[in-house]
Amino acid sequence: MTSLLGRVRQLLQGEDAHDMEKGPLGLHLKAGFQLNTLDIRLAGDKFLIELPGDDYTVAATSHIYTGAGSDIYRYYTSGDEFLQINTTGGISDACIEDIKFFAYIESFNISSRDAWKNAISPSAMGLPVMSWGDKKWERVFNPLERHNVEPVYLLEEVENSEREKWEVNNFCMLYQRNIDETAFEYLLISGEETFNEQQEPEWLVSWSLGVDISRSGLQVVG
């Protein structure tokens, strides 16, 4: 696995936490966090997502500015998961609008530009309703449009624990399905474009499942 997923799997060593730039809830590179996922586990097979545990370490961070004072912060673990926090107007607790936790389920590399264009086309990534895992998923972005739409473009600025920094051209689409009256499960499809040292493009498409995390269900350690 290459691109963003491959780069976050670095050995965790080195700098003190005080030297790290902190984001919402004080999260930073090499911080730990714990999730309370009891409700998800008690739901049994209603959720498709498989959570490896409740304790995680941040191996890479990223920032996405979405405009109008809104930002997305992602905290990639040393495994195949990431915590996503959406904020508006700052990084204080009062500015947090949404917290989700995603686990990657599959990804594949793309070797040609034509295949890349097809993979991020509206017919591949922007359907109003998506069938996956024997479930029906409804598009979250532009839900009132009942035709195929372009994926949402996000410029993601990433830094790993070795202090390497790079940018990802992220073309994504989010889907959801109802678990019950109060709970949703999410399906995030992402097309990632990065550039190697020779400035040649590298393309990756990933699929991940996600769940909502309440503020009380997240504890930052370190």
N, C-alpha and C. Protein backbone atom coordinates (compact mmCIF):
# COMPACT_ATOMS: atom_id res chain seq x y z
N MET A 1 0.85 -1.18 0.00
CA MET A 1 0.00 0.00 0.00
C MET A 1 0.89 1.24 0.00
N THR A 2 0.69 2.17 -0.91
CA THR A 2 1.54 3.34 -1.02
C THR A 2 0.76 4.59 -0.68
N SER A 3 1.31 5.74 -1.07
CA SER A 3 0.70 7.02 -0.84
C SER A 3 0.49 7.25 0.65
N LEU A 4 -0.62 7.91 1.03
CA LEU A 4 -0.80 8.35 2.39
C LEU A 4 -0.77 7.19 3.37
N LEU A 5 -1.43 6.09 3.05
CA LEU A 5 -1.49 4.96 3.97
C LEU A 5 -0.11 4.39 4.24
N GLY A 6 0.70 4.31 3.20
CA GLY A 6 2.03 3.75 3.40
C GLY A 6 2.92 4.65 4.23
N ARG A 7 2.77 5.96 4.08
CA ARG A 7 3.66 6.89 4.76
C ARG A 7 3.37 7.02 6.24
N VAL A 8 2.15 6.76 6.70
CA VAL A 8 1.84 6.94 8.11
C VAL A 8 2.40 5.82 8.96
N ARG A 9 2.82 4.72 8.34
CA ARG A 9 3.33 3.59 9.10
C ARG A 9 4.83 3.78 9.36
N GLN A 10 5.16 4.73 10.18
CA GLN A 10 6.53 5.03 10.54
C GLN A 10 6.73 4.70 12.02
N LEU A 11 7.96 4.40 12.40
CA LEU A 11 8.26 4.13 13.80
C LEU A 11 8.03 5.39 14.62
N LEU A 12 7.41 5.21 15.78
CA LEU A 12 7.11 6.34 16.65
C LEU A 12 8.28 6.53 17.61
N GLN A 13 9.04 7.60 17.41
CA GLN A 13 10.18 7.87 18.27
C GLN A 13 10.56 9.33 18.15
N GLY A 14 11.31 9.86 19.12
CA GLY A 14 11.90 11.19 18.95
C GLY A 14 11.36 12.27 19.84
N GLU A 15 10.66 13.24 19.27
CA GLU A 15 10.42 14.51 19.93
C GLU A 15 9.46 14.44 21.11
N ASP A 16 9.61 15.42 21.98
CA ASP A 16 8.74 15.56 23.14
C ASP A 16 7.40 16.12 22.70
N ALA A 17 6.35 15.76 23.45
CA ALA A 17 5.00 16.21 23.10
C ALA A 17 4.88 17.72 23.12
N HIS A 18 5.71 18.41 23.94
CA HIS A 18 5.62 19.87 24.02
C HIS A 18 6.07 20.53 22.72
N ASP A 19 6.84 19.82 21.91
CA ASP A 19 7.31 20.38 20.65
C ASP A 19 6.32 20.19 19.51
N MET A 20 5.27 19.43 19.77
CA MET A 20 4.31 19.10 18.73
C MET A 20 3.23 20.18 18.61
N GLU A 21 2.84 20.50 17.38
CA GLU A 21 1.73 21.41 17.16
C GLU A 21 0.43 20.70 17.52
N LYS A 22 -0.36 21.33 18.37
CA LYS A 22 -1.57 20.69 18.86
C LYS A 22 -2.81 21.21 18.15
N GLY A 23 -3.75 20.30 17.94
CA GLY A 23 -5.00 20.63 17.28
C GLY A 23 -6.17 20.53 18.24
N PRO A 24 -7.36 20.29 17.74
CA PRO A 24 -8.53 20.14 18.61
C PRO A 24 -8.31 19.09 19.69
N LEU A 25 -8.79 19.38 20.89
CA LEU A 25 -8.70 18.47 22.03
C LEU A 25 -7.26 18.20 22.45
N GLY A 26 -6.32 19.01 21.94
CA GLY A 26 -4.93 18.82 22.29
C GLY A 26 -4.25 17.68 21.55
N LEU A 27 -4.88 17.16 20.52
CA LEU A 27 -4.30 16.05 19.76
C LEU A 27 -3.07 16.52 18.98
N HIS A 28 -2.11 15.62 18.85
CA HIS A 28 -0.87 15.94 18.15
C HIS A 28 -0.18 14.65 17.74
N LEU A 29 0.88 14.79 16.97
CA LEU A 29 1.67 13.63 16.58
C LEU A 29 2.14 12.86 17.81
N LYS A 30 2.02 11.56 17.76
CA LYS A 30 2.45 10.63 18.81
C LYS A 30 1.57 10.62 20.05
N ALA A 31 0.50 11.44 20.04
CA ALA A 31 -0.44 11.39 21.16
C ALA A 31 -1.20 10.07 21.11
N GLY A 32 -1.74 9.69 22.23
CA GLY A 32 -2.63 8.54 22.27
C GLY A 32 -4.06 9.00 22.48
N PHE A 33 -4.99 8.20 22.05
CA PHE A 33 -6.39 8.51 22.37
C PHE A 33 -7.17 7.21 22.55
N GLN A 34 -8.20 7.32 23.36
CA GLN A 34 -9.05 6.17 23.67
C GLN A 34 -10.48 6.48 23.24
N LEU A 35 -11.14 5.47 22.67
CA LEU A 35 -12.52 5.61 22.24
C LEU A 35 -13.42 4.70 23.09
N ASN A 36 -14.59 5.22 23.41
CA ASN A 36 -15.61 4.39 24.04
C ASN A 36 -16.53 3.88 22.94
N THR A 37 -16.34 2.63 22.56
CA THR A 37 -17.10 2.05 21.45
C THR A 37 -18.07 0.98 21.92
N LEU A 38 -18.46 1.07 23.19
CA LEU A 38 -19.33 0.03 23.76
C LEU A 38 -20.64 -0.08 22.99
N ASP A 39 -21.24 1.07 22.62
CA ASP A 39 -22.52 1.03 21.91
C ASP A 39 -22.38 0.31 20.57
N ILE A 40 -21.27 0.54 19.89
CA ILE A 40 -21.05 -0.10 18.59
C ILE A 40 -20.88 -1.60 18.76
N ARG A 41 -20.12 -1.99 19.78
CA ARG A 41 -19.89 -3.41 20.00
C ARG A 41 -21.17 -4.13 20.45
N LEU A 42 -21.99 -3.44 21.25
CA LEU A 42 -23.24 -4.05 21.70
C LEU A 42 -24.23 -4.22 20.56
N ALA A 43 -24.06 -3.40 19.49
CA ALA A 43 -24.97 -3.51 18.34
C ALA A 43 -24.71 -4.76 17.52
N GLY A 44 -23.62 -5.46 17.81
CA GLY A 44 -23.34 -6.71 17.11
C GLY A 44 -23.06 -6.49 15.64
N ASP A 45 -23.74 -7.26 14.80
CA ASP A 45 -23.47 -7.20 13.36
C ASP A 45 -24.29 -6.13 12.63
N LYS A 46 -24.93 -5.24 13.37
CA LYS A 46 -25.64 -4.14 12.70
C LYS A 46 -24.65 -3.22 11.97
N PHE A 47 -23.48 -3.05 12.56
CA PHE A 47 -22.42 -2.27 11.92
C PHE A 47 -21.51 -3.19 11.13
N LEU A 48 -21.04 -2.70 10.00
CA LEU A 48 -20.06 -3.45 9.21
C LEU A 48 -18.64 -3.16 9.65
N ILE A 49 -18.42 -2.00 10.26
CA ILE A 49 -17.07 -1.62 10.66
C ILE A 49 -16.54 -2.57 11.72
N GLU A 50 -15.26 -2.90 11.60
CA GLU A 50 -14.59 -3.74 12.59
C GLU A 50 -13.53 -2.90 13.28
N LEU A 51 -13.69 -2.71 14.58
CA LEU A 51 -12.76 -1.89 15.34
C LEU A 51 -11.74 -2.78 16.03
N PRO A 52 -10.44 -2.53 15.79
CA PRO A 52 -9.42 -3.41 16.35
C PRO A 52 -9.24 -3.25 17.86
N GLY A 53 -9.71 -2.16 18.43
CA GLY A 53 -9.54 -1.93 19.85
C GLY A 53 -10.07 -0.56 20.22
N ASP A 54 -9.72 -0.10 21.43
CA ASP A 54 -10.16 1.21 21.90
C ASP A 54 -9.01 2.18 22.11
N ASP A 55 -7.77 1.71 22.03
CA ASP A 55 -6.59 2.53 22.28
C ASP A 55 -5.80 2.71 20.99
N TYR A 56 -5.44 3.97 20.68
CA TYR A 56 -4.76 4.26 19.42
C TYR A 56 -3.65 5.28 19.64
N THR A 57 -2.66 5.27 18.72
CA THR A 57 -1.56 6.22 18.73
C THR A 57 -1.55 6.98 17.42
N VAL A 58 -1.34 8.29 17.49
CA VAL A 58 -1.33 9.14 16.29
C VAL A 58 0.03 9.03 15.61
N ALA A 59 0.04 8.50 14.38
CA ALA A 59 1.27 8.35 13.61
C ALA A 59 1.43 9.43 12.55
N ALA A 60 0.34 10.10 12.19
CA ALA A 60 0.39 11.20 11.22
C ALA A 60 -0.81 12.08 11.44
N THR A 61 -0.67 13.35 11.11
CA THR A 61 -1.77 14.29 11.22
C THR A 61 -1.98 14.97 9.87
N SER A 62 -3.16 15.51 9.67
CA SER A 62 -3.39 16.30 8.46
C SER A 62 -4.39 17.40 8.74
N HIS A 63 -4.32 18.41 7.89
CA HIS A 63 -5.23 19.55 8.00
C HIS A 63 -5.82 19.84 6.62
N ILE A 64 -7.12 20.11 6.61
CA ILE A 64 -7.84 20.47 5.39
C ILE A 64 -8.65 21.73 5.68
N TYR A 65 -8.39 22.79 4.95
CA TYR A 65 -9.19 24.00 5.09
C TYR A 65 -10.33 23.94 4.08
N THR A 66 -11.56 24.00 4.56
CA THR A 66 -12.71 23.84 3.67
C THR A 66 -13.43 25.16 3.38
N GLY A 67 -12.91 26.27 3.90
CA GLY A 67 -13.49 27.57 3.61
C GLY A 67 -14.44 28.06 4.68
N ALA A 68 -14.68 29.38 4.71
CA ALA A 68 -15.61 30.01 5.64
C ALA A 68 -15.27 29.70 7.09
N GLY A 69 -13.97 29.61 7.39
CA GLY A 69 -13.54 29.36 8.76
C GLY A 69 -13.68 27.94 9.23
N SER A 70 -13.97 27.02 8.32
CA SER A 70 -14.16 25.62 8.69
C SER A 70 -12.93 24.80 8.31
N ASP A 71 -12.62 23.82 9.14
CA ASP A 71 -11.43 22.99 8.94
C ASP A 71 -11.75 21.54 9.28
N ILE A 72 -10.97 20.66 8.66
CA ILE A 72 -11.01 19.23 8.99
C ILE A 72 -9.62 18.84 9.48
N TYR A 73 -9.58 18.21 10.64
CA TYR A 73 -8.32 17.68 11.18
C TYR A 73 -8.41 16.16 11.21
N ARG A 74 -7.37 15.51 10.69
CA ARG A 74 -7.34 14.06 10.70
C ARG A 74 -6.12 13.57 11.47
N TYR A 75 -6.36 12.50 12.24
CA TYR A 75 -5.30 11.90 13.06
C TYR A 75 -5.21 10.42 12.69
N TYR A 76 -4.19 10.12 11.89
CA TYR A 76 -4.00 8.76 11.39
C TYR A 76 -3.28 7.92 12.43
N THR A 77 -3.76 6.73 12.67
CA THR A 77 -3.18 5.87 13.69
C THR A 77 -2.00 5.09 13.12
N SER A 78 -1.37 4.31 13.97
CA SER A 78 -0.29 3.43 13.53
C SER A 78 -0.83 2.17 12.87
N GLY A 79 -2.14 2.06 12.76
CA GLY A 79 -2.77 0.96 12.05
C GLY A 79 -3.43 1.44 10.78
N ASP A 80 -4.67 1.07 10.55
CA ASP A 80 -5.40 1.44 9.34
C ASP A 80 -6.65 2.24 9.67
N GLU A 81 -6.52 3.21 10.56
CA GLU A 81 -7.67 4.00 10.99
C GLU A 81 -7.30 5.48 11.06
N PHE A 82 -8.33 6.32 11.11
CA PHE A 82 -8.08 7.73 11.39
C PHE A 82 -9.28 8.36 12.08
N LEU A 83 -8.96 9.31 12.95
CA LEU A 83 -9.96 10.10 13.65
C LEU A 83 -10.11 11.41 12.90
N GLN A 84 -11.34 11.83 12.65
CA GLN A 84 -11.59 13.06 11.89
C GLN A 84 -12.42 14.01 12.74
N ILE A 85 -11.93 15.25 12.86
CA ILE A 85 -12.63 16.27 13.65
C ILE A 85 -12.89 17.47 12.77
N ASN A 86 -14.16 17.86 12.67
CA ASN A 86 -14.55 19.04 11.90
C ASN A 86 -14.78 20.21 12.86
N THR A 87 -14.19 21.36 12.53
CA THR A 87 -14.33 22.54 13.38
C THR A 87 -14.75 23.75 12.55
N THR A 88 -15.30 24.75 13.24
CA THR A 88 -15.60 26.04 12.64
C THR A 88 -15.23 27.14 13.62
N GLY A 89 -14.37 28.06 13.17
CA GLY A 89 -14.03 29.22 13.98
C GLY A 89 -12.88 29.03 14.95
N GLY A 90 -12.19 27.92 14.91
CA GLY A 90 -11.07 27.70 15.82
C GLY A 90 -10.95 26.24 16.20
N ILE A 91 -10.13 25.96 17.23
CA ILE A 91 -9.91 24.56 17.62
C ILE A 91 -10.33 24.28 19.07
N SER A 92 -10.98 25.24 19.70
CA SER A 92 -11.45 25.00 21.06
C SER A 92 -12.59 23.99 21.04
N ASP A 93 -12.89 23.44 22.19
CA ASP A 93 -13.97 22.45 22.29
C ASP A 93 -15.28 22.99 21.73
N ALA A 94 -15.54 24.28 21.96
CA ALA A 94 -16.80 24.88 21.50
C ALA A 94 -16.88 24.97 19.99
N CYS A 95 -15.73 24.89 19.31
CA CYS A 95 -15.69 25.00 17.85
C CYS A 95 -15.85 23.64 17.15
N ILE A 96 -15.84 22.57 17.92
CA ILE A 96 -15.94 21.23 17.33
C ILE A 96 -17.38 20.95 16.93
N GLU A 97 -17.58 20.60 15.66
CA GLU A 97 -18.92 20.33 15.16
C GLU A 97 -19.19 18.84 14.97
N ASP A 98 -18.14 18.07 14.73
CA ASP A 98 -18.37 16.67 14.39
C ASP A 98 -17.09 15.87 14.63
N ILE A 99 -17.25 14.66 15.14
CA ILE A 99 -16.12 13.74 15.32
C ILE A 99 -16.51 12.39 14.75
N LYS A 100 -15.68 11.87 13.87
CA LYS A 100 -15.92 10.54 13.29
C LYS A 100 -14.64 9.72 13.35
N PHE A 101 -14.81 8.42 13.37
CA PHE A 101 -13.67 7.50 13.35
C PHE A 101 -13.85 6.55 12.17
N PHE A 102 -12.81 6.47 11.33
CA PHE A 102 -12.87 5.65 10.12
C PHE A 102 -11.82 4.54 10.19
N ALA A 103 -12.18 3.40 9.60
CA ALA A 103 -11.25 2.28 9.46
C ALA A 103 -11.21 1.90 7.99
N TYR A 104 -10.00 1.85 7.42
CA TYR A 104 -9.85 1.47 6.02
C TYR A 104 -10.24 0.00 5.83
N ILE A 105 -10.95 -0.25 4.74
CA ILE A 105 -11.36 -1.62 4.46
C ILE A 105 -10.73 -2.16 3.19
N GLU A 106 -10.40 -1.29 2.25
CA GLU A 106 -9.71 -1.75 1.06
C GLU A 106 -9.12 -0.54 0.31
N SER A 107 -8.10 -0.81 -0.48
CA SER A 107 -7.50 0.24 -1.31
C SER A 107 -6.81 -0.42 -2.49
N PHE A 108 -6.62 0.35 -3.54
CA PHE A 108 -5.88 -0.17 -4.69
C PHE A 108 -5.18 0.97 -5.40
N ASN A 109 -4.00 0.66 -5.94
CA ASN A 109 -3.22 1.63 -6.69
C ASN A 109 -3.70 1.68 -8.14
N ILE A 110 -3.52 2.83 -8.75
CA ILE A 110 -3.90 3.03 -10.15
C ILE A 110 -2.66 3.48 -10.91
N SER A 111 -2.44 2.88 -12.06
CA SER A 111 -1.19 3.12 -12.78
C SER A 111 -1.30 4.02 -14.00
N SER A 112 -2.53 4.28 -14.48
CA SER A 112 -2.66 5.11 -15.68
C SER A 112 -3.61 6.28 -15.42
N ARG A 113 -3.36 7.37 -16.14
CA ARG A 113 -4.20 8.56 -15.95
C ARG A 113 -5.65 8.31 -16.36
N ASP A 114 -5.86 7.54 -17.42
CA ASP A 114 -7.23 7.25 -17.84
C ASP A 114 -7.98 6.48 -16.77
N ALA A 115 -7.31 5.50 -16.17
CA ALA A 115 -7.94 4.72 -15.10
C ALA A 115 -8.22 5.60 -13.89
N TRP A 116 -7.31 6.54 -13.61
CA TRP A 116 -7.51 7.47 -12.51
C TRP A 116 -8.73 8.35 -12.74
N LYS A 117 -8.86 8.89 -13.95
CA LYS A 117 -10.01 9.73 -14.26
C LYS A 117 -11.31 8.95 -14.14
N ASN A 118 -11.30 7.70 -14.56
CA ASN A 118 -12.49 6.86 -14.44
C ASN A 118 -12.84 6.59 -12.98
N ALA A 119 -11.80 6.37 -12.16
CA ALA A 119 -12.02 6.01 -10.76
C ALA A 119 -12.65 7.15 -9.96
N ILE A 120 -12.37 8.40 -10.34
CA ILE A 120 -12.93 9.54 -9.60
C ILE A 120 -14.04 10.25 -10.38
N SER A 121 -14.58 9.57 -11.36
CA SER A 121 -15.66 10.15 -12.16
C SER A 121 -16.98 10.11 -11.39
N PRO A 122 -17.94 10.96 -11.75
CA PRO A 122 -19.24 10.93 -11.09
C PRO A 122 -19.93 9.57 -11.16
N SER A 123 -19.73 8.85 -12.25
CA SER A 123 -20.39 7.54 -12.39
C SER A 123 -19.78 6.48 -11.49
N ALA A 124 -18.54 6.71 -11.04
CA ALA A 124 -17.88 5.75 -10.15
C ALA A 124 -17.99 6.15 -8.69
N MET A 125 -17.96 7.46 -8.43
CA MET A 125 -17.85 7.93 -7.05
C MET A 125 -19.00 8.81 -6.60
N GLY A 126 -19.86 9.24 -7.54
CA GLY A 126 -20.86 10.23 -7.17
C GLY A 126 -22.30 9.79 -7.34
N LEU A 127 -22.56 8.49 -7.25
CA LEU A 127 -23.93 7.99 -7.39
C LEU A 127 -24.82 8.47 -6.24
N PRO A 128 -26.10 8.72 -6.49
CA PRO A 128 -27.00 9.11 -5.40
C PRO A 128 -27.13 8.02 -4.34
N VAL A 129 -27.14 6.76 -4.80
CA VAL A 129 -27.23 5.61 -3.90
C VAL A 129 -26.15 4.61 -4.30
N MET A 130 -25.42 4.13 -3.33
CA MET A 130 -24.34 3.19 -3.57
C MET A 130 -24.68 1.85 -2.92
N SER A 131 -24.43 0.77 -3.64
CA SER A 131 -24.58 -0.58 -3.08
C SER A 131 -23.19 -1.10 -2.72
N TRP A 132 -23.02 -1.46 -1.47
CA TRP A 132 -21.74 -2.01 -1.02
C TRP A 132 -21.97 -2.85 0.24
N GLY A 133 -21.33 -4.00 0.31
CA GLY A 133 -21.47 -4.86 1.47
C GLY A 133 -22.89 -5.34 1.70
N ASP A 134 -23.62 -5.54 0.59
CA ASP A 134 -25.03 -5.96 0.69
C ASP A 134 -25.90 -4.93 1.40
N LYS A 135 -25.48 -3.67 1.41
CA LYS A 135 -26.24 -2.59 2.02
C LYS A 135 -26.41 -1.46 1.02
N LYS A 136 -27.42 -0.64 1.24
CA LYS A 136 -27.65 0.55 0.43
C LYS A 136 -27.15 1.77 1.20
N TRP A 137 -26.36 2.58 0.53
CA TRP A 137 -25.78 3.77 1.14
C TRP A 137 -26.24 5.01 0.37
N GLU A 138 -26.67 6.04 1.08
CA GLU A 138 -27.12 7.27 0.45
C GLU A 138 -26.03 8.34 0.52
N ARG A 139 -25.88 9.06 -0.57
CA ARG A 139 -24.84 10.09 -0.65
C ARG A 139 -25.12 11.21 0.35
N VAL A 140 -24.08 11.63 1.08
CA VAL A 140 -24.20 12.72 2.05
C VAL A 140 -23.99 14.07 1.38
N PHE A 141 -23.00 14.16 0.50
CA PHE A 141 -22.74 15.42 -0.20
C PHE A 141 -23.77 15.62 -1.32
N ASN A 142 -24.33 16.82 -1.39
CA ASN A 142 -25.36 17.15 -2.40
C ASN A 142 -26.48 16.12 -2.41
N PRO A 143 -27.11 15.87 -1.27
CA PRO A 143 -28.12 14.81 -1.20
C PRO A 143 -29.39 15.09 -2.00
N LEU A 144 -29.68 16.37 -2.27
CA LEU A 144 -30.90 16.70 -3.01
C LEU A 144 -30.76 16.53 -4.51
N GLU A 145 -29.53 16.42 -4.96
CA GLU A 145 -29.29 16.17 -6.39
C GLU A 145 -29.47 14.68 -6.65
N ARG A 146 -30.42 14.32 -7.49
CA ARG A 146 -30.71 12.90 -7.70
C ARG A 146 -30.00 12.34 -8.92
N HIS A 147 -28.90 12.99 -9.28
CA HIS A 147 -28.09 12.48 -10.38
C HIS A 147 -26.66 12.35 -9.88
N ASN A 148 -25.80 11.77 -10.69
CA ASN A 148 -24.40 11.62 -10.31
C ASN A 148 -23.73 13.00 -10.20
N VAL A 149 -22.86 13.15 -9.20
CA VAL A 149 -22.18 14.44 -8.99
C VAL A 149 -20.67 14.20 -8.92
N GLU A 150 -19.93 15.27 -9.13
CA GLU A 150 -18.47 15.22 -9.04
C GLU A 150 -18.06 14.99 -7.59
N PRO A 151 -16.97 14.25 -7.36
CA PRO A 151 -16.46 14.12 -5.99
C PRO A 151 -16.02 15.47 -5.44
N VAL A 152 -15.97 15.58 -4.15
CA VAL A 152 -15.54 16.82 -3.49
C VAL A 152 -14.01 16.84 -3.46
N TYR A 153 -13.43 17.96 -3.87
CA TYR A 153 -11.97 18.09 -3.86
C TYR A 153 -11.52 18.74 -2.56
N LEU A 154 -10.53 18.12 -1.91
CA LEU A 154 -9.95 18.64 -0.68
C LEU A 154 -8.42 18.59 -0.79
N LEU A 155 -7.75 19.68 -0.46
CA LEU A 155 -6.30 19.68 -0.40
C LEU A 155 -5.89 19.33 1.03
N GLU A 156 -5.27 18.19 1.18
CA GLU A 156 -4.90 17.68 2.50
C GLU A 156 -3.40 17.85 2.72
N GLU A 157 -3.04 18.53 3.81
CA GLU A 157 -1.64 18.75 4.16
C GLU A 157 -1.28 17.78 5.29
N VAL A 158 -0.34 16.88 5.02
CA VAL A 158 -0.06 15.77 5.91
C VAL A 158 1.34 15.90 6.51
N GLU A 159 1.49 15.46 7.76
CA GLU A 159 2.79 15.37 8.41
C GLU A 159 2.85 14.08 9.21
N ASN A 160 3.94 13.32 9.07
CA ASN A 160 4.06 12.08 9.84
C ASN A 160 5.03 12.26 11.00
N SER A 161 5.26 11.19 11.75
CA SER A 161 6.05 11.27 12.97
C SER A 161 7.52 11.50 12.70
N GLU A 162 7.95 11.34 11.46
CA GLU A 162 9.33 11.65 11.08
C GLU A 162 9.46 13.10 10.62
N ARG A 163 8.37 13.87 10.78
CA ARG A 163 8.30 15.27 10.39
C ARG A 163 8.38 15.47 8.89
N GLU A 164 8.06 14.44 8.14
CA GLU A 164 7.94 14.57 6.69
C GLU A 164 6.59 15.20 6.39
N LYS A 165 6.56 16.11 5.43
CA LYS A 165 5.33 16.79 5.06
C LYS A 165 5.08 16.64 3.57
N TRP A 166 3.82 16.47 3.21
CA TRP A 166 3.45 16.40 1.81
C TRP A 166 1.98 16.76 1.65
N GLU A 167 1.58 16.99 0.43
CA GLU A 167 0.19 17.33 0.13
C GLU A 167 -0.49 16.20 -0.63
N VAL A 168 -1.77 16.06 -0.39
CA VAL A 168 -2.58 15.06 -1.07
C VAL A 168 -3.75 15.77 -1.75
N ASN A 169 -3.89 15.58 -3.05
CA ASN A 169 -5.10 16.01 -3.75
C ASN A 169 -6.14 14.93 -3.52
N ASN A 170 -7.11 15.25 -2.69
CA ASN A 170 -8.07 14.25 -2.23
C ASN A 170 -9.43 14.49 -2.90
N PHE A 171 -9.89 13.51 -3.66
CA PHE A 171 -11.20 13.56 -4.30
C PHE A 171 -12.08 12.54 -3.60
N CYS A 172 -13.12 12.99 -2.92
CA CYS A 172 -13.83 12.07 -2.03
C CYS A 172 -15.35 12.21 -2.13
N MET A 173 -16.00 11.17 -1.65
CA MET A 173 -17.45 11.16 -1.55
C MET A 173 -17.84 10.37 -0.30
N LEU A 174 -18.79 10.92 0.45
CA LEU A 174 -19.25 10.30 1.69
C LEU A 174 -20.68 9.80 1.53
N TYR A 175 -20.90 8.56 2.00
CA TYR A 175 -22.22 7.94 2.00
C TYR A 175 -22.58 7.54 3.42
N GLN A 176 -23.86 7.34 3.68
CA GLN A 176 -24.29 6.91 5.00
C GLN A 176 -25.49 5.98 4.89
N ARG A 177 -25.70 5.22 5.96
CA ARG A 177 -26.90 4.39 6.08
C ARG A 177 -27.34 4.41 7.54
N ASN A 178 -28.65 4.28 7.74
CA ASN A 178 -29.21 4.26 9.07
C ASN A 178 -29.00 2.91 9.74
N ILE A 179 -28.51 2.94 10.96
CA ILE A 179 -28.44 1.73 11.78
C ILE A 179 -29.71 1.60 12.61
N ASP A 180 -30.12 2.72 13.21
CA ASP A 180 -31.40 2.80 13.93
C ASP A 180 -31.82 4.27 13.92
N GLU A 181 -32.70 4.66 14.83
CA GLU A 181 -33.23 6.02 14.81
C GLU A 181 -32.17 7.07 15.13
N THR A 182 -31.09 6.67 15.81
CA THR A 182 -30.10 7.66 16.26
C THR A 182 -28.69 7.43 15.71
N ALA A 183 -28.44 6.30 15.09
CA ALA A 183 -27.07 5.95 14.70
C ALA A 183 -26.95 5.77 13.19
N PHE A 184 -25.79 6.20 12.67
CA PHE A 184 -25.46 6.03 11.25
C PHE A 184 -24.12 5.31 11.14
N GLU A 185 -23.93 4.68 9.98
CA GLU A 185 -22.61 4.19 9.59
C GLU A 185 -22.27 4.86 8.27
N TYR A 186 -20.98 5.16 8.08
CA TYR A 186 -20.55 5.94 6.92
C TYR A 186 -19.61 5.13 6.04
N LEU A 187 -19.67 5.43 4.75
CA LEU A 187 -18.77 4.84 3.77
C LEU A 187 -18.09 5.99 3.05
N LEU A 188 -16.78 6.10 3.21
CA LEU A 188 -16.01 7.18 2.60
C LEU A 188 -15.14 6.60 1.48
N ILE A 189 -15.32 7.14 0.28
CA ILE A 189 -14.51 6.74 -0.87
C ILE A 189 -13.57 7.89 -1.19
N SER A 190 -12.29 7.62 -1.26
CA SER A 190 -11.30 8.67 -1.48
C SER A 190 -10.35 8.30 -2.61
N GLY A 191 -10.17 9.25 -3.53
CA GLY A 191 -9.14 9.12 -4.54
C GLY A 191 -8.01 10.06 -4.17
N GLU A 192 -6.80 9.52 -3.95
CA GLU A 192 -5.67 10.31 -3.49
C GLU A 192 -4.63 10.45 -4.60
N GLU A 193 -4.24 11.67 -4.85
CA GLU A 193 -3.17 11.95 -5.81
C GLU A 193 -2.02 12.61 -5.08
N THR A 194 -0.84 11.98 -5.14
CA THR A 194 0.38 12.56 -4.59
C THR A 194 1.44 12.54 -5.67
N PHE A 195 2.59 13.16 -5.37
CA PHE A 195 3.68 13.22 -6.34
C PHE A 195 4.98 12.77 -5.68
N ASN A 196 5.71 11.89 -6.36
CA ASN A 196 6.95 11.36 -5.81
C ASN A 196 8.10 12.36 -6.00
N GLU A 197 9.32 11.94 -5.67
CA GLU A 197 10.47 12.84 -5.74
C GLU A 197 10.77 13.28 -7.16
N GLN A 198 10.36 12.50 -8.14
CA GLN A 198 10.53 12.87 -9.55
C GLN A 198 9.36 13.67 -10.08
N GLN A 199 8.45 14.06 -9.16
CA GLN A 199 7.25 14.82 -9.50
C GLN A 199 6.33 14.05 -10.45
N GLU A 200 6.36 12.72 -10.31
CA GLU A 200 5.45 11.87 -11.06
C GLU A 200 4.23 11.57 -10.19
N PRO A 201 3.03 11.61 -10.77
CA PRO A 201 1.84 11.37 -9.97
C PRO A 201 1.70 9.91 -9.54
N GLU A 202 1.20 9.73 -8.32
CA GLU A 202 0.86 8.40 -7.81
C GLU A 202 -0.59 8.45 -7.36
N TRP A 203 -1.36 7.45 -7.74
CA TRP A 203 -2.79 7.46 -7.48
C TRP A 203 -3.21 6.26 -6.65
N LEU A 204 -4.10 6.51 -5.72
CA LEU A 204 -4.63 5.47 -4.83
C LEU A 204 -6.10 5.75 -4.57
N VAL A 205 -6.92 4.72 -4.60
CA VAL A 205 -8.33 4.83 -4.22
C VAL A 205 -8.55 3.96 -2.99
N SER A 206 -9.16 4.54 -1.98
CA SER A 206 -9.40 3.80 -0.74
C SER A 206 -10.87 3.88 -0.35
N TRP A 207 -11.31 2.85 0.38
CA TRP A 207 -12.65 2.78 0.93
C TRP A 207 -12.52 2.60 2.44
N SER A 208 -13.30 3.35 3.19
CA SER A 208 -13.26 3.21 4.63
C SER A 208 -14.66 3.32 5.22
N LEU A 209 -14.86 2.64 6.33
CA LEU A 209 -16.11 2.69 7.06
C LEU A 209 -15.94 3.57 8.28
N GLY A 210 -16.98 4.32 8.64
CA GLY A 210 -16.87 5.23 9.76
C GLY A 210 -18.09 5.25 10.66
N VAL A 211 -17.88 5.77 11.86
CA VAL A 211 -18.95 5.92 12.85
C VAL A 211 -18.79 7.26 13.55
N ASP A 212 -19.88 7.75 14.11
CA ASP A 212 -19.83 8.98 14.90
C ASP A 212 -19.26 8.66 16.28
N ILE A 213 -18.47 9.61 16.79
CA ILE A 213 -17.92 9.51 18.13
C ILE A 213 -18.36 10.73 18.93
N SER A 214 -18.95 10.52 20.09
CA SER A 214 -19.36 11.65 20.92
C SER A 214 -18.14 12.24 21.61
N ARG A 215 -18.26 13.50 22.04
CA ARG A 215 -17.14 14.13 22.75
C ARG A 215 -16.80 13.35 24.01
N SER A 216 -17.81 12.87 24.71
CA SER A 216 -17.57 12.11 25.94
C SER A 216 -16.98 10.73 25.66
N GLY A 217 -17.08 10.29 24.39
CA GLY A 217 -16.56 8.98 24.03
C GLY A 217 -15.13 9.00 23.55
N LEU A 218 -14.45 10.16 23.68
CA LEU A 218 -13.07 10.31 23.21
C LEU A 218 -12.22 10.90 24.32
N GLN A 219 -11.14 10.23 24.64
CA GLN A 219 -10.21 10.72 25.65
C GLN A 219 -8.81 10.76 25.06
N VAL A 220 -8.17 11.94 25.15
CA VAL A 220 -6.81 12.10 24.64
C VAL A 220 -5.81 11.81 25.74
N VAL A 221 -4.78 11.06 25.41
CA VAL A 221 -3.75 10.66 26.38
C VAL A 221 -2.40 11.17 25.89
N GLY A 222 -1.75 12.02 26.65
CA GLY A 222 -0.40 12.48 26.29
C GLY A 222 -0.41 13.70 25.39
